[in-house]
N, C-alpha and C. Protein backbone atom coordinates (compact mmCIF):
# COMPACT_ATOMS: atom_id res chain seq x y z
N UNK A 1 -124.50 -45.04 90.06
CA UNK A 1 -124.09 -45.41 88.68
C UNK A 1 -123.62 -44.59 87.73
N UNK A 2 -123.07 -44.94 86.41
CA UNK A 2 -121.87 -44.83 85.50
C UNK A 2 -122.76 -43.93 84.89
N UNK A 3 -121.56 -42.77 84.06
CA UNK A 3 -122.08 -41.96 82.41
C UNK A 3 -121.11 -42.75 81.50
N UNK A 4 -122.35 -42.71 80.63
CA UNK A 4 -122.51 -43.84 79.68
C UNK A 4 -121.73 -43.40 78.62
N UNK A 5 -121.65 -41.51 78.55
CA UNK A 5 -121.14 -40.83 77.35
C UNK A 5 -119.58 -40.74 77.69
N UNK A 6 -118.70 -41.53 78.85
CA UNK A 6 -117.25 -40.92 78.32
C UNK A 6 -116.56 -41.56 77.84
N UNK A 7 -116.08 -40.66 77.85
CA UNK A 7 -114.55 -41.06 75.99
C UNK A 7 -113.88 -41.51 77.36
N UNK A 8 -113.28 -42.48 78.48
CA UNK A 8 -112.15 -42.97 78.66
C UNK A 8 -112.95 -44.03 79.23
N UNK A 9 -113.76 -45.15 78.62
CA UNK A 9 -114.09 -46.33 79.00
C UNK A 9 -113.27 -47.05 80.27
N UNK A 10 -111.89 -47.12 79.74
CA UNK A 10 -110.80 -48.37 80.91
C UNK A 10 -111.10 -47.56 83.17
N UNK A 11 -111.35 -46.11 82.41
CA UNK A 11 -111.54 -45.91 83.89
C UNK A 11 -112.08 -46.66 83.91
N UNK A 12 -112.72 -46.39 85.81
CA UNK A 12 -113.61 -46.95 86.72
C UNK A 12 -113.70 -45.52 87.68
N UNK A 13 -114.34 -45.67 87.76
CA UNK A 13 -115.01 -44.42 89.12
C UNK A 13 -114.91 -42.99 88.97
N UNK A 14 -114.61 -42.79 87.57
CA UNK A 14 -112.78 -41.82 87.15
C UNK A 14 -111.39 -41.33 86.94
N UNK A 15 -111.27 -42.64 87.76
CA UNK A 15 -109.52 -42.53 87.32
C UNK A 15 -109.27 -42.43 86.63
N UNK A 16 -108.44 -41.56 85.98
CA UNK A 16 -107.60 -42.42 84.47
C UNK A 16 -105.95 -42.52 85.26
N UNK A 17 -105.36 -43.53 86.19
CA UNK A 17 -104.88 -43.69 86.31
C UNK A 17 -103.10 -44.04 85.91
N UNK A 18 -102.08 -43.87 85.05
CA UNK A 18 -101.51 -44.85 84.11
C UNK A 18 -100.82 -45.35 84.55
N UNK A 19 -99.84 -46.22 84.31
CA UNK A 19 -97.87 -46.64 84.71
C UNK A 19 -97.24 -45.58 84.95
N UNK A 20 -96.38 -45.48 85.99
CA UNK A 20 -95.62 -44.44 85.64
C UNK A 20 -93.66 -45.33 84.74
N UNK A 21 -93.11 -44.98 84.09
CA UNK A 21 -92.26 -45.26 83.45
C UNK A 21 -91.96 -45.67 84.34
N UNK A 22 -90.67 -46.76 84.10
CA UNK A 22 -90.25 -47.47 85.27
C UNK A 22 -88.28 -47.32 84.71
N UNK A 23 -87.71 -46.82 86.09
CA UNK A 23 -85.94 -46.57 85.97
C UNK A 23 -85.53 -47.47 85.55
N UNK A 24 -84.22 -47.91 85.01
CA UNK A 24 -83.07 -48.63 84.52
C UNK A 24 -81.74 -49.56 86.97
N UNK A 25 -82.52 -48.82 87.59
CA UNK A 25 -81.83 -48.74 88.86
C UNK A 25 -82.20 -50.16 89.98
N UNK A 26 -81.93 -51.11 90.11
CA UNK A 26 -82.73 -51.73 91.66
C UNK A 26 -82.49 -51.14 92.43
N UNK A 27 -83.68 -51.58 93.30
CA UNK A 27 -83.98 -51.21 94.73
C UNK A 27 -82.39 -50.63 95.78
N UNK A 28 -81.47 -51.43 95.44
CA UNK A 28 -80.01 -51.80 96.63
C UNK A 28 -79.63 -50.79 95.72
N UNK A 29 -79.70 -50.13 95.21
CA UNK A 29 -78.85 -49.27 94.32
C UNK A 29 -79.46 -47.54 94.65
N UNK A 30 -80.84 -48.13 94.88
CA UNK A 30 -81.24 -46.56 95.36
C UNK A 30 -81.24 -46.64 96.44
N UNK A 31 -81.07 -47.71 97.47
CA UNK A 31 -80.67 -47.24 98.87
C UNK A 31 -79.33 -47.24 98.94
N UNK A 32 -77.83 -46.95 99.07
CA UNK A 32 -77.27 -47.60 97.92
C UNK A 32 -76.64 -45.68 97.54
N UNK A 33 -77.85 -45.40 97.32
CA UNK A 33 -78.10 -43.35 96.20
C UNK A 33 -78.00 -42.68 97.45
N UNK A 34 -79.00 -42.98 98.64
CA UNK A 34 -79.80 -42.78 99.71
C UNK A 34 -78.76 -42.37 100.52
N UNK A 35 -77.69 -43.20 101.03
CA UNK A 35 -76.79 -43.78 101.51
C UNK A 35 -76.11 -43.09 101.64
N UNK A 36 -75.02 -42.93 100.14
CA UNK A 36 -74.56 -41.39 99.86
C UNK A 36 -74.97 -39.88 99.68
N UNK A 37 -76.36 -40.10 100.08
CA UNK A 37 -76.22 -38.82 100.90
C UNK A 37 -77.08 -38.60 102.06
N UNK A 38 -76.52 -39.32 102.90
CA UNK A 38 -76.82 -39.41 104.40
C UNK A 38 -78.22 -39.08 104.30
N UNK A 39 -78.70 -39.88 103.67
CA UNK A 39 -80.28 -40.25 103.67
C UNK A 39 -80.54 -41.53 103.84
N UNK A 40 -82.16 -41.71 104.25
CA UNK A 40 -82.68 -43.83 104.38
C UNK A 40 -83.78 -44.01 104.13
N UNK A 41 -84.02 -44.39 103.64
CA UNK A 41 -85.49 -44.74 103.19
C UNK A 41 -86.60 -43.81 103.84
N UNK A 42 -86.27 -43.84 104.86
CA UNK A 42 -87.46 -43.37 106.09
C UNK A 42 -87.99 -41.85 106.08
N UNK A 43 -86.25 -40.98 105.86
CA UNK A 43 -86.18 -39.32 105.41
C UNK A 43 -87.18 -39.23 104.17
N UNK A 44 -85.80 -39.92 103.12
CA UNK A 44 -86.44 -39.73 101.98
C UNK A 44 -87.95 -40.06 101.74
N UNK A 45 -89.00 -40.43 102.19
CA UNK A 45 -90.07 -40.56 102.55
C UNK A 45 -90.59 -39.53 103.45
N UNK A 46 -90.48 -38.98 104.09
CA UNK A 46 -90.99 -37.62 105.30
C UNK A 46 -90.55 -36.55 103.50
N UNK A 47 -89.11 -36.74 103.01
CA UNK A 47 -89.06 -35.34 102.49
C UNK A 47 -89.68 -35.28 101.26
N UNK A 48 -90.12 -36.45 100.87
CA UNK A 48 -90.22 -36.99 99.23
C UNK A 48 -92.13 -36.70 98.85
N UNK A 49 -92.68 -36.63 100.22
CA UNK A 49 -93.96 -37.33 100.09
C UNK A 49 -94.39 -38.45 99.77
N UNK A 50 -93.87 -39.46 99.63
CA UNK A 50 -94.72 -40.82 99.23
C UNK A 50 -94.40 -41.88 100.20
N UNK A 51 -95.43 -42.11 100.43
CA UNK A 51 -95.22 -43.51 101.77
C UNK A 51 -94.10 -44.26 101.77
N UNK A 52 -94.27 -45.08 103.21
CA UNK A 52 -92.86 -45.71 102.77
C UNK A 52 -92.80 -47.19 102.10
N UNK A 53 -94.38 -47.83 102.77
CA UNK A 53 -95.12 -49.08 102.19
C UNK A 53 -95.01 -48.60 99.99
N UNK A 54 -94.84 -48.13 99.84
CA UNK A 54 -95.18 -47.76 98.19
C UNK A 54 -93.96 -47.77 97.92
N UNK A 55 -92.40 -46.62 99.03
CA UNK A 55 -91.35 -47.38 98.55
C UNK A 55 -90.80 -48.71 98.26
N UNK A 56 -91.03 -49.45 99.63
CA UNK A 56 -90.46 -50.61 99.88
C UNK A 56 -91.81 -51.72 98.42
N UNK A 57 -92.23 -51.33 98.06
CA UNK A 57 -93.05 -52.36 97.06
C UNK A 57 -92.52 -51.83 95.47
N UNK A 58 -91.72 -50.77 95.51
CA UNK A 58 -90.43 -50.53 94.12
C UNK A 58 -90.06 -52.01 94.11
N UNK A 59 -89.41 -52.65 95.32
CA UNK A 59 -88.45 -53.79 95.12
C UNK A 59 -89.26 -54.92 93.94
N UNK A 60 -90.79 -54.39 94.18
CA UNK A 60 -91.45 -55.57 93.75
C UNK A 60 -91.32 -55.46 92.01
N UNK A 61 -92.29 -54.30 91.99
CA UNK A 61 -92.70 -53.39 90.82
C UNK A 61 -91.80 -52.48 89.98
N UNK A 62 -90.24 -52.21 90.54
CA UNK A 62 -89.29 -51.55 90.04
C UNK A 62 -89.79 -49.44 90.92
N UNK A 63 -88.57 -48.80 90.09
CA UNK A 63 -88.42 -47.65 90.99
C UNK A 63 -88.81 -46.62 89.46
N UNK A 64 -89.79 -45.81 89.42
CA UNK A 64 -89.82 -45.06 89.19
C UNK A 64 -89.09 -44.00 88.31
N UNK A 65 -89.31 -43.69 87.17
CA UNK A 65 -88.54 -42.32 86.51
C UNK A 65 -88.41 -41.28 87.36
N UNK A 66 -89.61 -40.83 87.65
CA UNK A 66 -89.31 -39.59 88.33
C UNK A 66 -88.11 -39.39 89.66
N UNK A 67 -88.52 -40.74 90.68
CA UNK A 67 -87.83 -41.05 91.97
C UNK A 67 -86.42 -41.33 90.84
N UNK A 68 -85.30 -41.02 90.15
CA UNK A 68 -84.72 -41.62 89.84
C UNK A 68 -84.70 -39.72 89.23
N UNK A 69 -84.93 -39.06 89.79
CA UNK A 69 -84.58 -37.30 88.89
C UNK A 69 -84.94 -36.66 90.44
N UNK A 70 -85.82 -37.24 91.34
CA UNK A 70 -85.13 -36.40 92.77
C UNK A 70 -83.87 -37.09 92.33
N UNK A 71 -83.30 -38.32 93.04
CA UNK A 71 -82.68 -38.25 93.63
C UNK A 71 -81.10 -37.93 93.04
N UNK A 72 -81.12 -38.19 91.78
CA UNK A 72 -80.00 -36.85 91.12
C UNK A 72 -80.45 -35.78 91.13
N UNK A 73 -80.77 -35.00 91.39
CA UNK A 73 -81.34 -33.83 91.96
C UNK A 73 -80.90 -33.40 92.86
N UNK A 74 -80.56 -34.47 94.17
CA UNK A 74 -80.89 -34.26 95.71
C UNK A 74 -78.91 -34.59 95.78
N UNK A 75 -77.75 -35.88 94.17
CA UNK A 75 -76.66 -35.14 94.68
C UNK A 75 -76.81 -34.48 94.00
N UNK A 76 -76.61 -33.30 92.56
CA UNK A 76 -76.15 -32.27 92.58
C UNK A 76 -76.85 -30.86 94.07
N UNK A 77 -77.54 -31.02 94.57
CA UNK A 77 -77.95 -30.58 95.74
C UNK A 77 -76.56 -30.18 96.31
N UNK A 78 -76.65 -32.05 96.60
CA UNK A 78 -75.65 -31.93 98.35
C UNK A 78 -73.66 -31.56 97.09
N UNK A 79 -73.90 -32.18 96.12
CA UNK A 79 -71.72 -31.25 95.79
C UNK A 79 -71.99 -30.17 95.48
N UNK A 80 -72.74 -29.21 95.23
CA UNK A 80 -73.31 -27.48 95.90
C UNK A 80 -72.92 -27.65 96.62
N UNK A 81 -73.66 -28.12 98.31
CA UNK A 81 -73.01 -27.70 98.64
C UNK A 81 -71.79 -27.76 99.08
N UNK A 82 -71.16 -28.99 98.95
CA UNK A 82 -69.97 -29.49 99.36
C UNK A 82 -69.06 -28.77 98.65
N UNK A 83 -68.62 -27.58 97.53
CA UNK A 83 -68.34 -27.18 96.46
C UNK A 83 -68.66 -25.78 96.93
N UNK A 84 -68.97 -25.08 98.04
CA UNK A 84 -70.33 -23.83 98.89
C UNK A 84 -69.03 -23.42 100.14
N UNK A 85 -69.17 -25.03 100.18
CA UNK A 85 -68.21 -25.09 102.14
C UNK A 85 -66.71 -24.90 101.23
N UNK A 86 -66.17 -26.13 100.17
CA UNK A 86 -64.65 -26.03 100.27
C UNK A 86 -64.28 -24.44 100.01
N UNK A 87 -65.29 -22.96 98.84
CA UNK A 87 -64.68 -22.47 99.04
C UNK A 87 -65.03 -21.19 99.62
N UNK A 88 -65.89 -21.42 101.09
CA UNK A 88 -66.18 -21.03 101.54
C UNK A 88 -65.05 -20.93 102.90
N UNK A 89 -64.34 -21.81 102.96
CA UNK A 89 -62.86 -22.21 103.55
C UNK A 89 -62.28 -22.11 102.52
N UNK A 90 -61.87 -21.81 101.70
CA UNK A 90 -60.77 -21.33 100.98
C UNK A 90 -60.93 -19.56 100.87
N UNK A 91 -61.68 -18.98 101.26
CA UNK A 91 -62.07 -18.08 101.39
C UNK A 91 -62.55 -16.84 102.73
N UNK A 92 -61.54 -17.70 103.25
CA UNK A 92 -61.23 -17.53 105.39
C UNK A 92 -60.50 -17.23 105.89
N UNK A 93 -59.64 -18.55 104.58
CA UNK A 93 -57.93 -18.41 104.44
C UNK A 93 -56.99 -17.06 104.90
């Protein structure tokens, strides 16, 4: 039974999902960036909680913007770890 007083007439059974903004990076670039982070698609899937079939579906539909942000944060985290390691090596000499 559908409620006729719903505000959003386009929703089906209460789902109000919208398409996410797409990033400009391509799937091969995503895989390359993950490799630079010593990661792969399955480990990124476990880390982010995004299913592997969903990630492979991005080949056809485009990569969401929030995934690009996650990758950028992981790259910044890796740079920070590398710099901290360099500093600790300098301080131990």
